[in-house]
Amino acid sequence: MIVIVGFVLVLVVTLGVVVVTHVRRDLVAPVGETIAYLTRTRVGRIAAVLVWAWAGWHFLAR
């Protein structure tokens, strides 16, 4: 049950950030631009894959 709550919490926070980026473009960069900025280097892409794998293992594997 706690896993589902954690996954829902991450989803809600992500959707909140997306809404804020559309409403206040001067305050926060859009999510797509942020991810593009973070993954422009090889180290950033490897880190993104590791984070994605960790999140999938911990939230979706059970």
N, C-alpha and C. Protein backbone atom coordinates (compact mmCIF):
# COMPACT_ATOMS: atom_id res chain seq x y z
N MET A 1 0.83 -1.19 0.00
CA MET A 1 0.00 0.00 0.00
C MET A 1 0.87 1.26 0.00
N ILE A 2 1.95 1.25 0.78
CA ILE A 2 2.82 2.44 0.87
C ILE A 2 3.48 2.72 -0.48
N VAL A 3 3.73 1.67 -1.26
CA VAL A 3 4.34 1.85 -2.58
C VAL A 3 3.39 2.60 -3.50
N ILE A 4 2.13 2.24 -3.44
CA ILE A 4 1.15 2.92 -4.28
C ILE A 4 1.01 4.38 -3.87
N VAL A 5 1.01 4.64 -2.57
CA VAL A 5 0.92 6.02 -2.09
C VAL A 5 2.14 6.82 -2.55
N GLY A 6 3.32 6.22 -2.49
CA GLY A 6 4.53 6.90 -2.94
C GLY A 6 4.48 7.20 -4.43
N PHE A 7 4.02 6.25 -5.20
CA PHE A 7 3.92 6.45 -6.65
C PHE A 7 2.91 7.55 -6.98
N VAL A 8 1.79 7.54 -6.30
CA VAL A 8 0.77 8.57 -6.52
C VAL A 8 1.31 9.94 -6.11
N LEU A 9 2.06 10.00 -5.03
CA LEU A 9 2.65 11.26 -4.58
C LEU A 9 3.62 11.82 -5.62
N VAL A 10 4.46 10.97 -6.16
CA VAL A 10 5.40 11.40 -7.21
C VAL A 10 4.63 11.90 -8.42
N LEU A 11 3.58 11.21 -8.80
CA LEU A 11 2.77 11.61 -9.93
C LEU A 11 2.10 12.96 -9.70
N VAL A 12 1.55 13.16 -8.51
CA VAL A 12 0.88 14.43 -8.19
C VAL A 12 1.88 15.58 -8.20
N VAL A 13 3.04 15.38 -7.61
CA VAL A 13 4.06 16.44 -7.59
C VAL A 13 4.51 16.77 -9.01
N THR A 14 4.70 15.74 -9.83
CA THR A 14 5.11 15.97 -11.21
C THR A 14 4.06 16.76 -11.98
N LEU A 15 2.81 16.38 -11.83
CA LEU A 15 1.74 17.11 -12.50
C LEU A 15 1.65 18.55 -11.99
N GLY A 16 1.88 18.76 -10.71
CA GLY A 16 1.89 20.11 -10.16
C GLY A 16 2.99 20.97 -10.76
N VAL A 17 4.17 20.39 -10.92
CA VAL A 17 5.28 21.12 -11.53
C VAL A 17 4.96 21.46 -12.98
N VAL A 18 4.36 20.52 -13.71
CA VAL A 18 3.99 20.77 -15.10
C VAL A 18 2.99 21.92 -15.20
N VAL A 19 2.00 21.93 -14.32
CA VAL A 19 1.01 23.01 -14.33
C VAL A 19 1.68 24.35 -14.03
N VAL A 20 2.56 24.38 -13.04
CA VAL A 20 3.24 25.64 -12.68
C VAL A 20 4.10 26.12 -13.85
N THR A 21 4.75 25.20 -14.56
CA THR A 21 5.58 25.64 -15.69
C THR A 21 4.75 26.23 -16.81
N HIS A 22 3.53 25.79 -16.98
CA HIS A 22 2.68 26.36 -18.02
C HIS A 22 2.08 27.70 -17.61
N VAL A 23 1.84 27.86 -16.32
CA VAL A 23 1.23 29.10 -15.84
C VAL A 23 2.28 30.20 -15.68
N ARG A 24 3.41 29.86 -15.09
CA ARG A 24 4.47 30.85 -14.81
C ARG A 24 5.76 30.47 -15.50
N ARG A 25 5.86 30.74 -16.77
CA ARG A 25 7.08 30.38 -17.52
C ARG A 25 8.31 31.14 -17.05
N ASP A 26 8.12 32.32 -16.46
CA ASP A 26 9.26 33.09 -15.97
C ASP A 26 9.78 32.56 -14.65
N LEU A 27 8.99 31.76 -13.93
CA LEU A 27 9.37 31.26 -12.61
C LEU A 27 10.13 29.93 -12.70
N VAL A 28 9.63 29.02 -13.50
CA VAL A 28 10.21 27.68 -13.60
C VAL A 28 10.30 27.31 -15.07
N ALA A 29 11.41 26.69 -15.44
CA ALA A 29 11.56 26.22 -16.82
C ALA A 29 10.62 25.05 -17.06
N PRO A 30 10.10 24.90 -18.27
CA PRO A 30 9.24 23.75 -18.57
C PRO A 30 9.98 22.43 -18.34
N VAL A 31 9.24 21.39 -18.02
CA VAL A 31 9.84 20.10 -17.69
C VAL A 31 10.66 19.56 -18.85
N GLY A 32 10.18 19.69 -20.06
CA GLY A 32 10.92 19.21 -21.22
C GLY A 32 12.27 19.89 -21.38
N GLU A 33 12.30 21.19 -21.17
CA GLU A 33 13.56 21.94 -21.26
C GLU A 33 14.51 21.53 -20.14
N THR A 34 13.97 21.30 -18.96
CA THR A 34 14.81 20.90 -17.82
C THR A 34 15.43 19.54 -18.08
N ILE A 35 14.63 18.60 -18.56
CA ILE A 35 15.17 17.26 -18.85
C ILE A 35 16.18 17.33 -19.98
N ALA A 36 15.90 18.12 -21.01
CA ALA A 36 16.85 18.28 -22.11
C ALA A 36 18.17 18.86 -21.61
N TYR A 37 18.10 19.82 -20.71
CA TYR A 37 19.31 20.43 -20.15
C TYR A 37 20.11 19.42 -19.34
N LEU A 38 19.41 18.64 -18.53
CA LEU A 38 20.09 17.67 -17.67
C LEU A 38 20.68 16.49 -18.44
N THR A 39 20.09 16.15 -19.59
CA THR A 39 20.56 14.98 -20.34
C THR A 39 21.39 15.35 -21.57
N ARG A 40 21.92 16.55 -21.61
CA ARG A 40 22.70 16.93 -22.80
C ARG A 40 24.11 16.36 -22.78
N THR A 41 24.58 15.91 -21.61
CA THR A 41 25.90 15.29 -21.54
C THR A 41 25.75 13.79 -21.35
N ARG A 42 26.81 13.07 -21.60
CA ARG A 42 26.77 11.61 -21.43
C ARG A 42 26.51 11.24 -19.98
N VAL A 43 27.14 11.93 -19.04
CA VAL A 43 26.93 11.66 -17.62
C VAL A 43 25.48 11.91 -17.23
N GLY A 44 24.89 12.96 -17.76
CA GLY A 44 23.50 13.26 -17.49
C GLY A 44 22.57 12.19 -18.01
N ARG A 45 22.86 11.68 -19.21
CA ARG A 45 22.02 10.62 -19.77
C ARG A 45 22.14 9.33 -18.97
N ILE A 46 23.35 8.99 -18.54
CA ILE A 46 23.54 7.80 -17.72
C ILE A 46 22.82 7.96 -16.39
N ALA A 47 22.92 9.13 -15.78
CA ALA A 47 22.23 9.39 -14.52
C ALA A 47 20.71 9.28 -14.71
N ALA A 48 20.20 9.78 -15.82
CA ALA A 48 18.76 9.70 -16.08
C ALA A 48 18.31 8.25 -16.22
N VAL A 49 19.09 7.43 -16.89
CA VAL A 49 18.74 6.01 -17.03
C VAL A 49 18.77 5.33 -15.67
N LEU A 50 19.77 5.63 -14.85
CA LEU A 50 19.86 5.02 -13.53
C LEU A 50 18.71 5.45 -12.63
N VAL A 51 18.33 6.71 -12.68
CA VAL A 51 17.19 7.18 -11.88
C VAL A 51 15.92 6.51 -12.36
N TRP A 52 15.74 6.41 -13.68
CA TRP A 52 14.55 5.77 -14.24
C TRP A 52 14.49 4.30 -13.82
N ALA A 53 15.63 3.60 -13.87
CA ALA A 53 15.67 2.19 -13.47
C ALA A 53 15.38 2.04 -11.98
N TRP A 54 15.95 2.92 -11.16
CA TRP A 54 15.70 2.87 -9.72
C TRP A 54 14.22 3.10 -9.41
N ALA A 55 13.63 4.09 -10.05
CA ALA A 55 12.22 4.38 -9.81
C ALA A 55 11.35 3.20 -10.28
N GLY A 56 11.66 2.64 -11.41
CA GLY A 56 10.90 1.49 -11.89
C GLY A 56 11.03 0.30 -10.97
N TRP A 57 12.23 0.06 -10.48
CA TRP A 57 12.44 -1.07 -9.57
C TRP A 57 11.69 -0.87 -8.25
N HIS A 58 11.75 0.31 -7.71
CA HIS A 58 11.17 0.54 -6.39
C HIS A 58 9.67 0.79 -6.41
N PHE A 59 9.15 1.37 -7.47
CA PHE A 59 7.73 1.71 -7.47
C PHE A 59 6.88 0.75 -8.29
N LEU A 60 7.46 0.13 -9.31
CA LEU A 60 6.65 -0.67 -10.22
C LEU A 60 6.91 -2.18 -10.13
N ALA A 61 7.99 -2.61 -9.50
CA ALA A 61 8.35 -4.03 -9.51
C ALA A 61 7.56 -4.85 -8.51
N ARG A 62 6.87 -4.22 -7.60
CA ARG A 62 6.18 -5.01 -6.58
C ARG A 62 4.77 -5.24 -6.93
